[in-house]
N, C-alpha and C. Protein backbone atom coordinates (compact mmCIF):
# COMPACT_ATOMS: atom_id res chain seq x y z
N MET A 1 -9.84 -16.20 -14.26
CA MET A 1 -10.35 -15.25 -12.92
C MET A 1 -9.62 -15.61 -11.65
N ALA A 2 -8.04 -14.92 -11.24
CA ALA A 2 -7.61 -15.04 -10.36
C ALA A 2 -8.49 -15.07 -8.84
N LYS A 3 -7.42 -16.13 -8.00
CA LYS A 3 -8.16 -16.30 -7.34
C LYS A 3 -8.27 -15.06 -5.75
N ARG A 4 -8.98 -15.02 -4.84
CA ARG A 4 -8.82 -14.00 -4.15
C ARG A 4 -8.00 -14.49 -2.93
N SER A 5 -7.22 -13.50 -2.40
CA SER A 5 -6.29 -13.17 -1.49
C SER A 5 -7.44 -13.85 -0.08
N GLU A 6 -6.52 -14.45 1.11
CA GLU A 6 -7.09 -14.06 2.51
C GLU A 6 -7.40 -12.66 3.01
N SER A 7 -5.98 -11.67 2.75
CA SER A 7 -6.49 -11.17 3.61
C SER A 7 -6.61 -9.50 2.41
N ILE A 8 -7.42 -8.25 3.20
CA ILE A 8 -7.19 -6.72 2.35
C ILE A 8 -6.63 -6.17 2.88
N ILE A 9 -5.52 -5.20 2.94
CA ILE A 9 -4.88 -4.83 3.54
C ILE A 9 -5.46 -2.99 3.42
N ILE A 10 -6.02 -2.54 4.63
CA ILE A 10 -5.98 -1.86 4.35
C ILE A 10 -5.37 -0.98 5.01
N ILE A 11 -5.07 0.66 4.52
CA ILE A 11 -3.46 2.06 5.24
C ILE A 11 -4.63 3.18 5.63
N GLY A 12 -4.93 3.47 6.39
CA GLY A 12 -5.96 4.16 6.49
C GLY A 12 -7.31 3.73 7.29
N GLU A 13 -8.58 4.07 6.96
CA GLU A 13 -9.80 3.81 7.42
C GLU A 13 -10.94 3.48 6.72
N ARG A 14 -11.80 2.29 6.96
CA ARG A 14 -12.30 1.67 5.55
C ARG A 14 -13.16 2.45 5.05
N ASP A 15 -14.14 3.08 5.82
CA ASP A 15 -15.05 3.77 5.47
C ASP A 15 -14.98 5.49 5.75
N ALA A 16 -13.06 6.06 5.45
CA ALA A 16 -13.05 7.09 5.42
C ALA A 16 -11.59 6.62 4.59
N ASP A 17 -10.82 7.73 4.28
CA ASP A 17 -9.84 8.32 2.88
C ASP A 17 -8.91 6.74 3.12
N HIS A 18 -8.33 5.85 2.24
CA HIS A 18 -7.23 5.40 2.74
C HIS A 18 -6.99 4.47 1.37
N VAL A 19 -5.95 3.59 1.30
CA VAL A 19 -5.20 2.79 0.20
C VAL A 19 -5.58 1.58 0.66
N MET A 20 -5.82 1.08 -0.32
CA MET A 20 -6.57 -0.78 -0.29
C MET A 20 -5.92 -1.76 -0.61
N LEU A 21 -4.90 -3.05 -0.29
CA LEU A 21 -4.19 -3.49 -1.02
C LEU A 21 -4.45 -4.80 -0.71
N GLU A 22 -5.20 -5.37 -2.57
CA GLU A 22 -5.54 -7.24 -2.46
C GLU A 22 -4.80 -8.30 -3.55
N PRO A 23 -3.48 -8.02 -2.04
CA PRO A 23 -2.91 -9.23 -3.33
C PRO A 23 -3.47 -10.83 -3.55
N LEU A 24 -3.30 -11.14 -4.77
CA LEU A 24 -3.49 -11.90 -5.46
C LEU A 24 -2.76 -13.18 -5.17
N ALA A 25 -3.43 -14.65 -5.42
CA ALA A 25 -2.66 -16.08 -4.87
C ALA A 25 -1.97 -15.86 -6.18
N LYS A 26 -2.18 -15.31 -7.78
CA LYS A 26 -1.89 -15.43 -8.67
C LYS A 26 0.14 -14.61 -8.90
N VAL A 27 0.78 -15.40 -9.47
CA VAL A 27 2.55 -14.85 -9.28
C VAL A 27 2.68 -15.34 -10.47
N ALA A 28 2.98 -14.51 -11.78
CA ALA A 28 3.30 -14.70 -12.70
C ALA A 28 4.89 -14.29 -13.05
N SER A 29 5.79 -15.16 -12.86
CA SER A 29 7.34 -14.56 -13.28
C SER A 29 7.65 -13.45 -12.39
N GLY A 30 8.43 -14.13 -11.08
CA GLY A 30 8.26 -12.27 -10.22
C GLY A 30 7.16 -11.49 -10.04
N TRP A 31 5.81 -11.67 -10.10
CA TRP A 31 5.03 -10.49 -10.65
C TRP A 31 3.37 -10.91 -9.46
N ARG A 32 3.38 -10.64 -8.56
CA ARG A 32 2.37 -10.08 -8.01
C ARG A 32 0.88 -9.32 -8.33
N THR A 33 -0.48 -10.10 -8.86
CA THR A 33 -1.10 -9.06 -9.03
C THR A 33 -2.00 -8.83 -7.92
N THR A 34 -1.99 -7.11 -8.46
CA THR A 34 -2.79 -6.70 -6.97
C THR A 34 -3.92 -6.49 -7.30
N ASN A 35 -5.32 -5.87 -6.50
CA ASN A 35 -6.44 -5.02 -7.19
C ASN A 35 -6.07 -4.07 -5.72
N ILE A 36 -5.50 -2.76 -6.52
CA ILE A 36 -5.25 -1.54 -5.51
C ILE A 36 -6.66 -0.88 -5.20
N GLY A 37 -7.19 -0.15 -4.43
CA GLY A 37 -7.99 0.95 -4.95
C GLY A 37 -7.68 2.25 -3.90
N VAL A 38 -8.39 3.30 -3.95
CA VAL A 38 -7.72 4.04 -3.33
C VAL A 38 -9.26 5.95 -3.48
N ARG A 39 -9.02 5.98 -1.66
CA ARG A 39 -10.30 6.45 -1.32
C ARG A 39 -10.11 7.79 -0.93
N CYS A 40 -9.74 9.04 -1.08
CA CYS A 40 -9.46 10.27 -0.75
C CYS A 40 -10.30 11.69 -0.65
N GLY A 41 -10.64 11.89 -0.02
CA GLY A 41 -12.11 12.96 0.28
C GLY A 41 -13.15 11.92 -0.72
N VAL A 42 -13.57 13.23 -1.93
CA VAL A 42 -14.33 12.31 -3.10
C VAL A 42 -14.01 12.04 -3.76
N TRP A 43 -12.75 11.70 -4.11
CA TRP A 43 -12.23 10.92 -5.35
C TRP A 43 -11.87 9.78 -4.66
N ALA A 44 -11.93 8.58 -5.34
CA ALA A 44 -11.51 6.90 -5.52
C ALA A 44 -11.40 6.78 -7.09
N GLY A 45 -10.75 4.92 -6.69
CA GLY A 45 -10.20 4.71 -7.79
C GLY A 45 -10.37 3.74 -7.64
N HIS A 46 -10.33 2.10 -8.13
CA HIS A 46 -10.08 0.95 -8.07
C HIS A 46 -9.61 0.01 -9.60
N PHE A 47 -8.32 -0.49 -9.41
CA PHE A 47 -7.37 -1.22 -10.32
C PHE A 47 -7.06 -2.48 -10.56
N THR A 48 -6.25 -3.38 -11.03
CA THR A 48 -5.60 -4.03 -10.72
C THR A 48 -3.67 -3.64 -11.44
N GLY A 49 -3.30 -3.86 -10.43
CA GLY A 49 -1.59 -3.73 -10.88
C GLY A 49 -1.21 -4.93 -9.92
N GLN A 50 0.57 -4.92 -10.18
CA GLN A 50 1.38 -5.97 -10.69
C GLN A 50 2.07 -5.31 -9.65
N PHE A 51 3.45 -5.99 -8.20
CA PHE A 51 4.47 -5.96 -7.49
C PHE A 51 4.76 -6.82 -8.36
N MET A 52 6.44 -6.61 -8.25
CA MET A 52 7.21 -7.36 -8.20
C MET A 52 7.63 -8.08 -6.93
N VAL A 53 7.60 -9.33 -6.67
CA VAL A 53 7.60 -10.26 -5.54
C VAL A 53 8.61 -9.38 -4.67
N GLY A 54 8.22 -9.64 -3.32
CA GLY A 54 9.17 -8.31 -2.78
C GLY A 54 9.23 -7.16 -2.21
N GLU A 55 8.28 -6.45 -3.18
CA GLU A 55 8.63 -4.70 -2.86
C GLU A 55 7.23 -4.95 -1.81
N LEU A 56 6.26 -5.59 -1.67
CA LEU A 56 5.20 -5.39 -0.06
C LEU A 56 6.02 -5.74 1.09
N THR A 57 6.70 -6.83 1.10
CA THR A 57 7.15 -7.32 2.18
C THR A 57 8.63 -5.73 2.41
N LYS A 58 8.85 -5.69 1.83
CA LYS A 58 9.98 -4.14 1.89
C LYS A 58 9.47 -3.35 2.17
N PHE A 59 8.03 -2.68 1.92
CA PHE A 59 6.92 -1.97 2.38
C PHE A 59 6.99 -2.12 3.32
N GLY A 60 6.01 -3.41 4.18
CA GLY A 60 6.18 -3.78 5.29
C GLY A 60 7.12 -3.14 6.49
N LYS A 61 8.87 -3.80 6.03
CA LYS A 61 9.78 -3.99 6.41
C LYS A 61 10.12 -2.49 7.31
N GLU A 62 10.50 -1.34 5.94
CA GLU A 62 10.10 -0.42 6.22
C GLU A 62 9.27 0.44 7.57
N ILE A 63 8.12 -0.44 7.34
CA ILE A 63 6.60 0.31 8.12
C ILE A 63 7.46 -0.07 9.17
N GLU A 64 8.13 -1.49 9.43
CA GLU A 64 7.99 -1.90 11.76
C GLU A 64 9.62 -1.09 12.06
N TYR A 65 10.44 -0.57 10.83
CA TYR A 65 11.58 -0.05 10.90
C TYR A 65 11.02 1.63 11.81
N PHE A 66 9.98 1.93 10.82
CA PHE A 66 9.21 3.91 10.74
C PHE A 66 8.21 3.14 12.11
N CYS A 67 7.93 2.73 12.56
CA CYS A 67 7.15 1.93 14.08
C CYS A 67 8.01 2.28 15.06
N GLN A 68 9.34 2.12 15.25
CA GLN A 68 10.66 1.48 15.84
C GLN A 68 11.40 2.72 16.13
N ASN A 69 10.76 4.11 15.03
CA ASN A 69 11.47 5.02 14.93
C ASN A 69 13.06 5.27 14.53
N LEU A 70 13.40 4.22 13.80
CA LEU A 70 14.55 4.05 13.14
C LEU A 70 14.75 4.48 11.35
N LYS A 71 14.07 5.31 11.27
CA LYS A 71 13.55 5.29 10.12
C LYS A 71 12.14 6.49 10.11
N PRO A 72 13.18 7.71 9.49
CA PRO A 72 11.99 8.58 9.68
C PRO A 72 10.94 8.85 8.72
N ALA A 73 10.57 7.70 7.52
CA ALA A 73 9.17 7.23 7.17
C ALA A 73 9.70 6.27 6.78
N ALA A 74 8.43 5.48 5.64
CA ALA A 74 8.10 4.35 5.17
C ALA A 74 7.59 4.95 3.55
N THR A 75 8.44 4.20 2.77
CA THR A 75 8.23 4.59 1.89
C THR A 75 7.74 3.03 0.56
N LEU A 76 7.15 3.63 0.11
CA LEU A 76 6.52 2.32 -0.97
C LEU A 76 6.66 2.74 -2.74
N ASN A 77 8.01 2.86 -3.20
CA ASN A 77 7.86 3.01 -4.51
C ASN A 77 7.80 1.58 -5.80
N SER A 78 6.94 1.16 -5.84
CA SER A 78 6.50 0.40 -6.77
C SER A 78 7.55 0.01 -8.39
N VAL A 79 8.01 -0.95 -8.40
CA VAL A 79 9.35 -0.90 -9.72
C VAL A 79 8.59 -0.31 -11.11
N GLU A 80 6.60 -0.98 -11.55
CA GLU A 80 5.69 -0.39 -12.06
C GLU A 80 4.85 1.18 -12.02
N HIS A 81 4.98 1.53 -10.89
CA HIS A 81 4.51 3.07 -10.80
C HIS A 81 3.10 3.30 -10.92
N TYR A 82 2.44 1.70 -10.72
CA TYR A 82 1.19 1.61 -9.56
C TYR A 82 0.56 2.26 -8.63
N LEU A 83 1.52 2.27 -7.58
CA LEU A 83 2.06 2.86 -6.28
C LEU A 83 2.79 3.48 -5.54
N GLN A 84 2.72 5.03 -5.77
CA GLN A 84 4.06 5.44 -4.92
C GLN A 84 3.26 5.93 -3.31
N MET A 85 3.71 6.01 -2.84
CA MET A 85 3.32 6.15 -1.30
C MET A 85 4.42 6.14 0.57
N THR A 86 4.27 7.56 0.85
CA THR A 86 4.84 7.32 1.64
C THR A 86 4.10 8.11 2.91
N LEU A 87 4.98 7.03 3.83
CA LEU A 87 4.17 7.44 5.38
C LEU A 87 4.84 8.32 6.32
N VAL A 88 4.74 9.51 6.70
CA VAL A 88 5.10 9.59 8.17
C VAL A 88 4.57 10.20 9.35
N ASP A 89 5.51 10.82 10.40
CA ASP A 89 4.98 11.19 11.48
C ASP A 89 4.46 12.58 11.50
N ALA A 90 2.54 12.73 11.64
CA ALA A 90 2.23 13.23 11.76
C ALA A 90 1.92 14.36 12.79
N GLY A 91 1.82 12.93 14.27
CA GLY A 91 2.47 13.95 15.73
C GLY A 91 1.17 13.08 15.98
N HIS A 92 0.68 13.03 17.27
CA HIS A 92 -0.28 13.31 18.19
C HIS A 92 -1.10 11.10 17.93
N GLY A 93 0.36 10.81 17.63
CA GLY A 93 -0.29 9.68 17.26
C GLY A 93 -1.29 8.79 16.13
N ARG A 94 -0.66 10.19 14.98
CA ARG A 94 -1.31 10.16 13.90
C ARG A 94 0.13 9.77 12.79
N VAL A 95 -0.61 9.41 11.67
CA VAL A 95 0.67 8.89 10.47
C VAL A 95 -0.13 9.57 9.06
N ARG A 96 0.39 10.41 7.99
CA ARG A 96 0.00 10.75 7.59
C ARG A 96 0.96 10.84 5.73
N ALA A 97 -0.41 9.78 5.46
CA ALA A 97 -0.19 9.15 3.98
C ALA A 97 0.08 9.93 2.90
N GLU A 98 0.94 9.51 2.03
CA GLU A 98 1.04 10.70 0.48
C GLU A 98 1.41 9.78 -0.70
N GLY A 99 0.81 9.84 -1.77
CA GLY A 99 1.27 9.57 -2.52
C GLY A 99 0.73 9.37 -3.66
N LEU A 100 1.40 9.16 -4.67
CA LEU A 100 0.21 8.69 -6.49
C LEU A 100 -0.23 7.12 -6.40
N THR A 101 -0.89 7.05 -6.83
CA THR A 101 -1.01 6.13 -7.98
C THR A 101 -1.98 6.22 -9.06
N ARG A 102 -1.57 5.53 -10.38
CA ARG A 102 -1.62 5.26 -11.94
C ARG A 102 -1.78 4.05 -12.26
N GLU A 103 -2.64 3.48 -13.10
CA GLU A 103 -3.22 2.59 -13.41
C GLU A 103 -1.70 1.78 -14.67
N ARG A 104 -1.00 2.42 -15.25
CA ARG A 104 -0.46 2.80 -16.06
C ARG A 104 1.29 3.05 -16.17
N LEU A 105 2.21 2.87 -16.38
CA LEU A 105 3.37 4.09 -16.04
C LEU A 105 3.63 4.91 -17.71
N GLY A 106 3.46 5.80 -16.95
CA GLY A 106 3.38 7.15 -18.07
C GLY A 106 1.87 7.66 -18.26
N ALA A 107 1.07 6.77 -18.06
CA ALA A 107 -0.70 7.58 -17.66
C ALA A 107 -0.63 9.18 -17.03
N LYS A 108 -1.36 9.64 -17.74
CA LYS A 108 -1.22 11.40 -16.90
C LYS A 108 -2.50 11.13 -16.51
N THR A 109 -3.66 10.14 -16.51
CA THR A 109 -4.05 10.43 -15.43
C THR A 109 -3.62 9.22 -14.21
N ALA A 110 -3.80 10.08 -13.20
CA ALA A 110 -3.14 9.76 -11.64
C ALA A 110 -4.31 9.96 -10.72
N LEU A 111 -3.91 9.71 -9.13
CA LEU A 111 -4.77 10.41 -7.80
C LEU A 111 -3.48 10.45 -7.02
N GLU A 112 -3.54 11.79 -7.05
CA GLU A 112 -3.05 11.97 -6.25
C GLU A 112 -3.26 12.37 -4.75
N PHE A 113 -2.73 11.49 -4.03
CA PHE A 113 -3.52 11.87 -2.54
C PHE A 113 -2.66 12.05 -1.27
N GLU A 114 -3.50 12.90 -0.25
CA GLU A 114 -2.62 12.60 1.06
C GLU A 114 -4.47 12.77 2.46
N PHE A 115 -3.66 11.46 3.53
CA PHE A 115 -4.54 11.56 4.34
C PHE A 115 -3.86 11.35 5.95
N GLU A 116 -4.58 11.56 6.89
CA GLU A 116 -3.76 10.96 8.09
C GLU A 116 -5.01 9.00 8.58
N CYS A 117 -3.83 8.66 9.59
CA CYS A 117 -4.28 7.52 10.11
C CYS A 117 -3.80 7.41 11.32
N ASP A 118 -4.72 6.59 11.39
CA ASP A 118 -4.65 6.11 13.48
C ASP A 118 -3.18 5.42 12.88
N ARG A 119 -1.28 5.75 13.98
CA ARG A 119 -0.24 4.72 13.63
C ARG A 119 -0.14 3.95 14.35
N ALA A 120 -1.07 3.34 15.37
CA ALA A 120 -1.27 1.95 16.02
C ALA A 120 -1.76 0.77 15.17
N THR A 121 -2.32 1.38 13.59
CA THR A 121 -2.91 -0.05 12.85
C THR A 121 -1.63 -0.70 11.78
N LEU A 122 -0.24 0.60 12.01
CA LEU A 122 1.34 0.92 11.26
C LEU A 122 1.54 -1.54 11.24
N PRO A 123 2.01 -2.02 13.09
CA PRO A 123 2.46 -2.71 12.93
C PRO A 123 1.37 -4.00 12.21
N GLU A 124 0.00 -3.96 12.70
CA GLU A 124 -0.48 -5.22 11.68
C GLU A 124 -0.53 -5.10 10.56
N ILE A 125 -0.04 -3.81 9.46
CA ILE A 125 -0.75 -3.57 8.40
C ILE A 125 0.97 -3.84 7.58
N ALA A 126 1.79 -3.81 8.21
CA ALA A 126 3.42 -4.51 8.68
C ALA A 126 3.82 -5.93 7.53
N ARG A 127 2.87 -6.28 9.03
CA ARG A 127 2.29 -7.77 9.65
C ARG A 127 2.18 -8.35 8.13
N LEU A 128 0.68 -7.96 7.85
CA LEU A 128 0.26 -8.27 6.60
C LEU A 128 0.39 -8.01 5.61
N LEU A 129 1.51 -7.17 5.51
CA LEU A 129 2.16 -6.70 4.44
C LEU A 129 2.97 -7.95 4.12
N ILE A 130 3.45 -8.13 4.44
CA ILE A 130 5.38 -9.44 4.66
C ILE A 130 4.08 -10.69 4.41
N GLU A 131 3.64 -10.79 5.36
CA GLU A 131 3.16 -12.36 5.20
C GLU A 131 2.27 -12.73 3.64
N ALA A 132 1.54 -11.06 2.72
CA ALA A 132 1.02 -11.50 1.53
C ALA A 132 1.92 -11.78 0.63
N ASP A 133 3.01 -11.33 0.54
CA ASP A 133 4.81 -12.01 -0.63
C ASP A 133 4.39 -12.76 -0.56
N ARG A 134 4.21 -13.58 0.97
CA ARG A 134 4.53 -15.20 0.86
C ARG A 134 3.67 -16.16 0.63
N GLN A 135 2.46 -15.47 0.13
CA GLN A 135 1.86 -16.80 -0.51
C GLN A 135 1.80 -16.75 -1.09
N ASN A 136 1.28 -18.20 -2.34
CA ASN A 136 2.07 -18.81 -3.79
C ASN A 136 0.31 -19.29 -3.50
């Protein structure tokens, strides 16, 4: 069993709509195993996927640029298609998260989501994403 990580990254609100990422300590051949969870409306799903080392850092940096108004959106497009996600400004201090998650490439079963979250939480999310990629 993989060792659990120190931090769980929640984009959204833990008790409401969110995407949860729990990068695990296991890294093999340049891939980081990650527990992924999505809750949106009445739908929820949890599974284990993998991100290429560097993908979470890239998303964290995109969020930083987005927060500094240097980019109109922050996007995560994982190589293995476990999670595609875009954050865009929704106005009034809110951000719209939209995306798609699936257990494996080519799977016809997927969870498409869209929800809003507080823009003020993004700097901490970016920091945690970057930090998670550095853990070994």
